[in-house]
Amino acid sequence: MPFLDLPPELIQRCLHELAITDLARLLSVGNSYLTDLLLSSPTIRYRVQQHIAGVYEPEHMTLTNATTPIADRIKALQETEDRWLAFTPASREALPLPAPWADVQGYTVGEGSYTVMYDMDMETLLGGRASTLSLGSGGTGWKELVTPKAMLDFQLCPASDLFLRITHSTLNDIQRFEVDCRTISTGVVHPLAAKNIVIADIPLVYDLPDLSIEIAGSILAIAFIFHYAPNDAAEQHNRLHVFDWMSGTKLMDPIPINTTAVTFLGPETLLAFDAEENALSAIAIPRRDERETIQQLKFELPNLAPTHRIMPSAAVCGNGLWTPRSPRLPAAKSLQPLQRKLLFDDESSMFVLRYYILRSDVAADDEDGPGIDARIMVVARRSEMLKLFQQHAEPSNPEQNQSPWVLPFATWGPQSSRFLHLSTTFQNPCTSLAGQRLASIDNKAPGQSAPIVIRDFNPGSVRRVRRLLRDSTSASASGSGSEGVELEGAYVHVVEADADAAEDNWDFRSAALQDGGVKSKLAYVEVTSKETFPFHAVHVSDECVVGDGASQGEIEVMRFG
């Protein structure tokens, strides 16, 4: 029997299993009956809508949402996208901090959560307290986490109910760094974690390191940088350590690094910023039977001017709240608001890199010093870079000092990244990217209110605003001078790609770079809120924007989902 002679419901059920690219090809065939079947299926429409938004409904939530009509789920997703574009949050709430503002030493944003660290011992930089807040409406308020006195840093993975702590202890002339996995909900040893993991034993004469922690599924990456050591020997312990936090297994030998700017390029591929070689180094985590060689590829960054160098200590990488393959556990009742309905998909996932360039004649690395000529923020698309890694990566043996292949910036950069100026030293992009939305606030004038700016790199958003501009009778000049449209709560315009523009029209220009600037094929939507805010900083989560610093004792949560 020909396929199209089957009952319509059965045809739609079969078509629903196709990839989005295959569905698009079917629409281009020109068969009116097939087109009607595709467009009349609510489940297919919902899949397409999720793809355009850069999200997906995880399996555990598909079962949970089964009682919600598909039409209501379609409507809810569309309304969420509308609110983000027009900057009209569904609700706003001021929430008191768990400690005085002066005592807060750090924060982290996760899937549906905001966590602060406070009361740290300022002499040892150890211990302290930490409390996490569910950003969903109807949450239970701040929940204090169980923290040991010897805690150096931590990371949360709410989907796995995981509170991962890095602890520090001393024995004779050695300081030991370990991983301790607990649950967020109860503070007990995590049921999926086999044991404590010893990361490294370091001579006690070394100061405590700078570090960063990244988690993808069961894979844990920890970057250690020791800035101060006897006889300038810190480099021998500057390493990237990779473990399976569930089994405690070391997945590869420690990798030499010179910054803590590390993220996952893919579920089993790491990306580290190399300040000495001005490149991003991608490394595939080897299988157990392939430990002698590893797949590597370096992505070259724009050449520096001969008179400039990179400041390694200022480099930071943010994962954009991308949590691939995270084990999703039934959390305690207090964590239920953290159970996300939609997650960011792999295809649209982005990361952000911040680094500073200063003049070579400046001896000291001072983040606030006059020698800095460029504060750069790079937003890059993982899927494009991962495809190139899979095409060009070559096996190398670290023990033989084999150099990996270097991919020129012109080959990967314009199609995968967009360079932006980091306007102030206080903006931390690590907690300002969620999915494809980058949030910032211009607080160059202390004490003055400023609009929140959302840069949306979703191609679907770009197409939508272009249509609005064509159809709108109220097109107006936006703050940047380009044509824009006024929506309920924001001024919106498209910052077009400039890859084919003349050099004078490049969006990103800097004398610290050899070519004077960087061009890109990525367009984005810039959403500038009409309302101004007195925040010191803003942080974007999957469904919220969090503003802090406006009041010494509270934060404001704006919910768009």
Foldseek 3Di string as FASTA:
>chain_A
DDLVVDPLVVSLVVVLPDDPVVVVVQCVPPDPVSVCSQVVDLSNVLVVLCVLVQWDFDPVLCVVCVVPDSVVVSVLSVLLVVCVQQVPFPDKDWAFDPDFLVFWDDWADAQQKIKTFGPADVVQQFWTWMWMWRLFPPAPGIDTADIDRQFNDWDDDLQLQWIWTWGWDDDDQKIWIKIFIAGRFPRHGRPQFDDIATQDIDGNQFRAWDWDWEAAAQKIKMFTFGPDHPPPPRQVPGWIWIARRRDNHGQADTDGAQANAKYALDSQKIWHQHQVQQWIKIWGRDDPVPHQKTWIETEHDFAFDPFKGWDRHLKYKAFQNAHHNHNGDDHPPSSVSSPDRMARDLQQTKMKIWIWMFTPVDDDDDLPDPRTFATKMKIWRSVQVVVVSVVQIDIDGVVVVDDTYYDYCVVRPQATMDMDGPQDSLEDQNQQGHRQWGWKWPCPDAPDWTWIKIKGQSVSVVVVQVVCQVPDPAFDQDPVRDTWHNHDFWTKDKDAFCPPPDPVPAPAATNRGPVRGDGHRGMIMMTTTPDTANFPIWGDHPFWIKGDDRDSTIIMIRGSD
